[in-house]
Amino acid sequence: MEIALFSDNTVGVSLPRLAQVLTSKEAGVYVRASSIRFKPKSDPMDYEVEYEALVELAARETDTNVSIFLTSVPFENNFFYIGLDNVFLVSLNRPGFAGGCLV
């Protein structure tokens, strides 16, 4: 399985490092950091509003099974993540994420 990670400019995460760590944790899973950046259309976000743009960006990363988009912008419904088909949007705007830094 191949997973592409995307982020916007609000996330204090090193995508290449995160991809390396995730790849090392599970045999048969390859995670790669995309150089493509995205910008949420609204703050707070509504997944249905964001979905079409995310699908277009995900299509630019060929040979991936799943696309995960990371942001610190919150969801309207305060969810942690929402996904449809193979496109997931993750909000790191949660208590306990110091500035969104994971790695």
C-alpha atoms as a PDB file:
ATOM      1  CA  MET A   1       0.000   0.000   0.000  1.00  0.00           C
ATOM      2  CA  GLU A   2       1.265   3.472  -0.865  1.00  0.00           C
ATOM      3  CA  ILE A   3       0.152   6.533   1.090  1.00  0.00           C
ATOM      4  CA  ALA A   4       0.788  10.162   0.136  1.00  0.00           C
ATOM      5  CA  LEU A   5       0.967  12.790   2.903  1.00  0.00           C
ATOM      6  CA  PHE A   6       0.067  16.408   2.145  1.00  0.00           C
ATOM      7  CA  SER A   7       0.069  19.456   4.414  1.00  0.00           C
ATOM      8  CA  ASP A   8      -0.806  23.109   4.417  1.00  0.00           C
ATOM      9  CA  ASN A   9       1.295  25.916   5.910  1.00  0.00           C
ATOM     10  CA  THR A  10      -0.283  25.600   9.385  1.00  0.00           C
ATOM     11  CA  VAL A  11       1.303  22.273  10.289  1.00  0.00           C
ATOM     12  CA  GLY A  12       4.590  22.168  12.169  1.00  0.00           C
ATOM     13  CA  VAL A  13       5.361  18.632  11.010  1.00  0.00           C
ATOM     14  CA  SER A  14       8.308  17.454   8.959  1.00  0.00           C
ATOM     15  CA  LEU A  15       6.438  15.415   6.344  1.00  0.00           C
ATOM     16  CA  PRO A  16       9.550  13.572   5.103  1.00  0.00           C
ATOM     17  CA  ARG A  17      10.421  12.550   8.675  1.00  0.00           C
ATOM     18  CA  LEU A  18       6.832  11.561   9.475  1.00  0.00           C
ATOM     19  CA  ALA A  19       6.662   9.504   6.264  1.00  0.00           C
ATOM     20  CA  GLN A  20       9.921   7.766   7.200  1.00  0.00           C
ATOM     21  CA  VAL A  21       8.675   6.912  10.704  1.00  0.00           C
ATOM     22  CA  LEU A  22       5.316   5.616   9.461  1.00  0.00           C
ATOM     23  CA  THR A  23       6.935   3.532   6.717  1.00  0.00           C
ATOM     24  CA  SER A  24       9.283   1.930   9.248  1.00  0.00           C
ATOM     25  CA  LYS A  25       6.373   0.839  11.471  1.00  0.00           C
ATOM     26  CA  GLU A  26       4.486  -1.413   9.067  1.00  0.00           C
ATOM     27  CA  ALA A  27       5.817  -3.880   6.488  1.00  0.00           C
ATOM     28  CA  GLY A  28       4.211  -3.479   3.092  1.00  0.00           C
ATOM     29  CA  VAL A  29       3.203   0.135   3.686  1.00  0.00           C
ATOM     30  CA  TYR A  30       5.132   2.907   1.972  1.00  0.00           C
ATOM     31  CA  VAL A  31       4.372   6.471   3.048  1.00  0.00           C
ATOM     32  CA  ARG A  32       5.757   9.382   1.074  1.00  0.00           C
ATOM     33  CA  ALA A  33       5.675  13.108   1.624  1.00  0.00           C
ATOM     34  CA  SER A  34       4.116  15.095  -1.193  1.00  0.00           C
ATOM     35  CA  SER A  35       5.657  18.423  -2.144  1.00  0.00           C
ATOM     36  CA  ILE A  36       2.169  19.635  -3.117  1.00  0.00           C
ATOM     37  CA  ARG A  37       0.663  22.034  -0.558  1.00  0.00           C
ATOM     38  CA  PHE A  38      -3.025  22.700  -0.096  1.00  0.00           C
ATOM     39  CA  LYS A  39      -4.998  25.524   1.476  1.00  0.00           C
ATOM     40  CA  PRO A  40      -8.325  24.877   3.208  1.00  0.00           C
ATOM     41  CA  LYS A  41     -11.163  26.942   1.728  1.00  0.00           C
ATOM     42  CA  SER A  42     -12.662  27.864   5.092  1.00  0.00           C
ATOM     43  CA  ASP A  43     -11.797  28.132   8.776  1.00  0.00           C
ATOM     44  CA  PRO A  44     -13.326  26.136  10.394  1.00  0.00           C
ATOM     45  CA  MET A  45     -13.432  23.503   7.634  1.00  0.00           C
ATOM     46  CA  ASP A  46     -16.332  21.586   6.158  1.00  0.00           C
ATOM     47  CA  TYR A  47     -15.122  18.330   4.552  1.00  0.00           C
ATOM     48  CA  GLU A  48     -17.803  18.386   1.862  1.00  0.00           C
ATOM     49  CA  VAL A  49     -16.621  21.848   0.777  1.00  0.00           C
ATOM     50  CA  GLU A  50     -12.959  20.747   0.782  1.00  0.00           C
ATOM     51  CA  TYR A  51     -13.430  17.316  -0.833  1.00  0.00           C
ATOM     52  CA  GLU A  52     -13.374  18.175  -4.565  1.00  0.00           C
ATOM     53  CA  ALA A  53     -10.173  20.229  -4.286  1.00  0.00           C
ATOM     54  CA  LEU A  54      -8.511  17.465  -2.263  1.00  0.00           C
ATOM     55  CA  VAL A  55      -9.445  14.845  -4.873  1.00  0.00           C
ATOM     56  CA  GLU A  56      -7.850  17.003  -7.586  1.00  0.00           C
ATOM     57  CA  LEU A  57      -4.631  17.350  -5.579  1.00  0.00           C
ATOM     58  CA  ALA A  58      -4.587  13.636  -4.722  1.00  0.00           C
ATOM     59  CA  ALA A  59      -4.831  12.798  -8.431  1.00  0.00           C
ATOM     60  CA  ARG A  60      -1.481  14.534  -8.983  1.00  0.00           C
ATOM     61  CA  GLU A  61       0.210  11.908  -6.817  1.00  0.00           C
ATOM     62  CA  THR A  62       0.097   8.856  -9.042  1.00  0.00           C
ATOM     63  CA  ASP A  63       0.509   5.308  -7.759  1.00  0.00           C
ATOM     64  CA  THR A  64      -0.910   5.978  -4.298  1.00  0.00           C
ATOM     65  CA  ASN A  65      -3.733   4.094  -2.645  1.00  0.00           C
ATOM     66  CA  VAL A  66      -4.524   6.659   0.044  1.00  0.00           C
ATOM     67  CA  SER A  67      -4.035  10.420   0.361  1.00  0.00           C
ATOM     68  CA  ILE A  68      -3.878  12.040   3.789  1.00  0.00           C
ATOM     69  CA  PHE A  69      -4.063  15.825   4.124  1.00  0.00           C
ATOM     70  CA  LEU A  70      -2.793  17.359   7.393  1.00  0.00           C
ATOM     71  CA  THR A  71      -3.781  20.796   8.696  1.00  0.00           C
ATOM     72  CA  SER A  72      -4.152  22.668  11.977  1.00  0.00           C
ATOM     73  CA  VAL A  73      -7.392  24.275  10.822  1.00  0.00           C
ATOM     74  CA  PRO A  74     -10.300  22.868  12.870  1.00  0.00           C
ATOM     75  CA  PHE A  75     -13.409  21.176  11.486  1.00  0.00           C
ATOM     76  CA  GLU A  76     -16.821  22.798  11.956  1.00  0.00           C
ATOM     77  CA  ASN A  77     -17.961  19.672  13.812  1.00  0.00           C
ATOM     78  CA  ASN A  78     -14.704  19.434  15.844  1.00  0.00           C
ATOM     79  CA  PHE A  79     -13.867  15.993  14.406  1.00  0.00           C
ATOM     80  CA  PHE A  80     -10.236  14.801  14.325  1.00  0.00           C
ATOM     81  CA  TYR A  81     -10.424  13.386  10.791  1.00  0.00           C
ATOM     82  CA  ILE A  82     -12.910  12.749   7.996  1.00  0.00           C
ATOM     83  CA  GLY A  83     -12.401  10.612   4.902  1.00  0.00           C
ATOM     84  CA  LEU A  84     -14.252   9.458   1.849  1.00  0.00           C
ATOM     85  CA  ASP A  85     -13.009   6.817  -0.571  1.00  0.00           C
ATOM     86  CA  ASN A  86      -9.225   7.152  -0.270  1.00  0.00           C
ATOM     87  CA  VAL A  87      -8.968  10.856   0.622  1.00  0.00           C
ATOM     88  CA  PHE A  88      -8.629  11.782   4.310  1.00  0.00           C
ATOM     89  CA  LEU A  89      -8.409  15.198   5.927  1.00  0.00           C
ATOM     90  CA  VAL A  90      -6.853  15.309   9.408  1.00  0.00           C
ATOM     91  CA  SER A  91      -7.067  18.324  11.707  1.00  0.00           C
ATOM     92  CA  LEU A  92      -4.256  18.539  14.233  1.00  0.00           C
ATOM     93  CA  ASN A  93      -6.043  21.357  16.044  1.00  0.00           C
ATOM     94  CA  ARG A  94      -6.550  19.362  19.211  1.00  0.00           C
ATOM     95  CA  PRO A  95      -5.580  19.895  22.847  1.00  0.00           C
ATOM     96  CA  GLY A  96      -2.282  18.151  23.501  1.00  0.00           C
ATOM     97  CA  PHE A  97      -0.770  18.802  20.051  1.00  0.00           C
ATOM     98  CA  ALA A  98       1.773  21.459  20.949  1.00  0.00           C
ATOM     99  CA  GLY A  99       1.521  23.706  17.907  1.00  0.00           C
ATOM    100  CA  GLY A 100       0.675  20.711  15.757  1.00  0.00           C
ATOM    101  CA  CYS A 101       4.185  19.268  16.157  1.00  0.00           C
ATOM    102  CA  LEU A 102       4.188  15.485  15.906  1.00  0.00           C
ATOM    103  CA  VAL A 103       7.730  14.649  14.871  1.00  0.00           C
END
